[in-house]
Amino acid sequence: MVDNEKDLADATHINDIDATSSDAILLATAADTTTYSPWSLPMFRLYGVLSIAYLCGCLNGFDGSLMGAINAMTPYQNYYGVSVFLSVFLIGVVNM
């Protein structure tokens, strides 16, 4: 194993890379060395998109818990004529 590592240390194959590999290495290097300002316009666009996704996730959880609580209320069941079993089913549908 040690002999193999010594052979790899002497390898000069890095100079024989094809163009696509070279482009990938340049892209990886550029992505690694680029510094981004958290106050730039593209970052604010990213923050906007992520905040919409976050709010959708929060509202989905709120919706499920609210409808679950409403479906379990006896006055709601009496007014709309739903049974306890239908309420349990609706809770599962809302939370999906």
C-alpha atoms as a PDB file:
ATOM      1  CA  MET A   1       0.000   0.000   0.000  1.00  0.00           C
ATOM      2  CA  VAL A   2       2.810   2.401   0.832  1.00  0.00           C
ATOM      3  CA  ASP A   3       4.551   1.658  -2.473  1.00  0.00           C
ATOM      4  CA  ASN A   4       1.347   2.484  -4.333  1.00  0.00           C
ATOM      5  CA  GLU A   5       1.102   5.852  -2.572  1.00  0.00           C
ATOM      6  CA  LYS A   6       4.696   6.631  -3.561  1.00  0.00           C
ATOM      7  CA  ASP A   7       3.847   5.834  -7.169  1.00  0.00           C
ATOM      8  CA  LEU A   8       0.873   8.181  -7.021  1.00  0.00           C
ATOM      9  CA  ALA A   9       2.996  10.969  -5.596  1.00  0.00           C
ATOM     10  CA  ASP A  10       5.263  10.843  -8.638  1.00  0.00           C
ATOM     11  CA  ALA A  11       2.381  10.817 -11.132  1.00  0.00           C
ATOM     12  CA  THR A  12       2.170  13.666 -13.622  1.00  0.00           C
ATOM     13  CA  HIS A  13      -1.250  12.810 -15.020  1.00  0.00           C
ATOM     14  CA  ILE A  14      -2.696  16.149 -13.895  1.00  0.00           C
ATOM     15  CA  ASN A  15      -1.222  17.713 -17.033  1.00  0.00           C
ATOM     16  CA  ASP A  16      -3.002  15.183 -19.264  1.00  0.00           C
ATOM     17  CA  ILE A  17      -6.566  16.108 -18.249  1.00  0.00           C
ATOM     18  CA  ASP A  18      -9.138  16.500 -21.029  1.00  0.00           C
ATOM     19  CA  ALA A  19     -11.069  19.754 -21.532  1.00  0.00           C
ATOM     20  CA  THR A  20     -14.262  18.717 -19.691  1.00  0.00           C
ATOM     21  CA  SER A  21     -12.364  17.668 -16.595  1.00  0.00           C
ATOM     22  CA  SER A  22     -10.381  20.880 -16.712  1.00  0.00           C
ATOM     23  CA  ASP A  23     -13.602  22.896 -16.880  1.00  0.00           C
ATOM     24  CA  ALA A  24     -14.994  20.996 -13.907  1.00  0.00           C
ATOM     25  CA  ILE A  25     -11.855  21.663 -11.903  1.00  0.00           C
ATOM     26  CA  LEU A  26     -11.956  25.368 -12.789  1.00  0.00           C
ATOM     27  CA  LEU A  27     -15.638  25.577 -11.823  1.00  0.00           C
ATOM     28  CA  ALA A  28     -15.012  23.833  -8.501  1.00  0.00           C
ATOM     29  CA  THR A  29     -12.083  26.132  -7.790  1.00  0.00           C
ATOM     30  CA  ALA A  30     -14.116  29.225  -8.661  1.00  0.00           C
ATOM     31  CA  ALA A  31     -17.001  28.105  -6.455  1.00  0.00           C
ATOM     32  CA  ASP A  32     -14.630  27.387  -3.592  1.00  0.00           C
ATOM     33  CA  THR A  33     -12.758  30.690  -3.757  1.00  0.00           C
ATOM     34  CA  THR A  34     -15.687  33.033  -4.472  1.00  0.00           C
ATOM     35  CA  THR A  35     -16.912  35.085  -1.547  1.00  0.00           C
ATOM     36  CA  TYR A  36     -20.531  36.166  -1.487  1.00  0.00           C
ATOM     37  CA  SER A  37     -21.888  39.225   0.249  1.00  0.00           C
ATOM     38  CA  PRO A  38     -24.999  38.480   2.309  1.00  0.00           C
ATOM     39  CA  TRP A  39     -26.321  41.950   1.377  1.00  0.00           C
ATOM     40  CA  SER A  40     -26.233  41.620  -2.413  1.00  0.00           C
ATOM     41  CA  LEU A  41     -29.310  41.609  -4.662  1.00  0.00           C
ATOM     42  CA  PRO A  42     -29.011  37.899  -5.630  1.00  0.00           C
ATOM     43  CA  MET A  43     -28.796  36.939  -1.966  1.00  0.00           C
ATOM     44  CA  PHE A  44     -31.935  38.975  -1.173  1.00  0.00           C
ATOM     45  CA  ARG A  45     -33.708  37.138  -3.987  1.00  0.00           C
ATOM     46  CA  LEU A  46     -32.612  33.861  -2.423  1.00  0.00           C
ATOM     47  CA  TYR A  47     -33.850  35.035   0.986  1.00  0.00           C
ATOM     48  CA  GLY A  48     -37.226  35.893  -0.565  1.00  0.00           C
ATOM     49  CA  VAL A  49     -37.632  32.485  -2.179  1.00  0.00           C
ATOM     50  CA  LEU A  50     -36.588  30.683   0.988  1.00  0.00           C
ATOM     51  CA  SER A  51     -38.905  32.771   3.163  1.00  0.00           C
ATOM     52  CA  ILE A  52     -41.870  31.871   0.936  1.00  0.00           C
ATOM     53  CA  ALA A  53     -40.982  28.186   1.250  1.00  0.00           C
ATOM     54  CA  TYR A  54     -40.628  28.575   5.027  1.00  0.00           C
ATOM     55  CA  LEU A  55     -43.995  30.300   5.366  1.00  0.00           C
ATOM     56  CA  CYS A  56     -45.690  27.633   3.239  1.00  0.00           C
ATOM     57  CA  GLY A  57     -44.348  24.966   5.558  1.00  0.00           C
ATOM     58  CA  CYS A  58     -45.480  26.860   8.650  1.00  0.00           C
ATOM     59  CA  LEU A  59     -48.945  27.555   7.277  1.00  0.00           C
ATOM     60  CA  ASN A  60     -49.377  23.934   6.269  1.00  0.00           C
ATOM     61  CA  GLY A  61     -48.726  22.842   9.850  1.00  0.00           C
ATOM     62  CA  PHE A  62     -51.047  25.554  11.199  1.00  0.00           C
ATOM     63  CA  ASP A  63     -53.791  24.532   8.783  1.00  0.00           C
ATOM     64  CA  GLY A  64     -53.549  20.895   9.799  1.00  0.00           C
ATOM     65  CA  SER A  65     -53.682  21.586  13.520  1.00  0.00           C
ATOM     66  CA  LEU A  66     -56.486  24.140  13.165  1.00  0.00           C
ATOM     67  CA  MET A  67     -58.680  21.879  11.049  1.00  0.00           C
ATOM     68  CA  GLY A  68     -57.927  18.958  13.348  1.00  0.00           C
ATOM     69  CA  ALA A  69     -59.125  20.967  16.322  1.00  0.00           C
ATOM     70  CA  ILE A  70     -62.225  22.265  14.518  1.00  0.00           C
ATOM     71  CA  ASN A  71     -63.212  18.817  13.274  1.00  0.00           C
ATOM     72  CA  ALA A  72     -63.043  17.474  16.836  1.00  0.00           C
ATOM     73  CA  MET A  73     -65.474  20.109  18.188  1.00  0.00           C
ATOM     74  CA  THR A  74     -68.936  18.751  18.969  1.00  0.00           C
ATOM     75  CA  PRO A  75     -70.840  21.916  17.859  1.00  0.00           C
ATOM     76  CA  TYR A  76     -69.065  21.782  14.480  1.00  0.00           C
ATOM     77  CA  GLN A  77     -69.949  18.105  14.070  1.00  0.00           C
ATOM     78  CA  ASN A  78     -73.600  18.747  15.012  1.00  0.00           C
ATOM     79  CA  TYR A  79     -73.950  21.771  12.697  1.00  0.00           C
ATOM     80  CA  TYR A  80     -72.463  20.058   9.639  1.00  0.00           C
ATOM     81  CA  GLY A  81     -73.752  16.581  10.456  1.00  0.00           C
ATOM     82  CA  VAL A  82     -70.373  14.843  10.450  1.00  0.00           C
ATOM     83  CA  SER A  83     -69.484  11.899  12.607  1.00  0.00           C
ATOM     84  CA  VAL A  84     -66.395  11.369  14.720  1.00  0.00           C
ATOM     85  CA  PHE A  85     -65.041   8.873  12.194  1.00  0.00           C
ATOM     86  CA  LEU A  86     -65.367  11.348   9.318  1.00  0.00           C
ATOM     87  CA  SER A  87     -63.604  13.959  11.429  1.00  0.00           C
ATOM     88  CA  VAL A  88     -60.684  11.602  11.994  1.00  0.00           C
ATOM     89  CA  PHE A  89     -60.558  10.913   8.254  1.00  0.00           C
ATOM     90  CA  LEU A  90     -60.564  14.640   7.463  1.00  0.00           C
ATOM     91  CA  ILE A  91     -57.739  15.236   9.909  1.00  0.00           C
ATOM     92  CA  GLY A  92     -55.664  12.688   8.016  1.00  0.00           C
ATOM     93  CA  VAL A  93     -56.518  14.245   4.642  1.00  0.00           C
ATOM     94  CA  VAL A  94     -55.593  17.771   5.761  1.00  0.00           C
ATOM     95  CA  ASN A  95     -52.276  16.626   7.253  1.00  0.00           C
ATOM     96  CA  MET A  96     -51.133  14.819   4.107  1.00  0.00           C
END
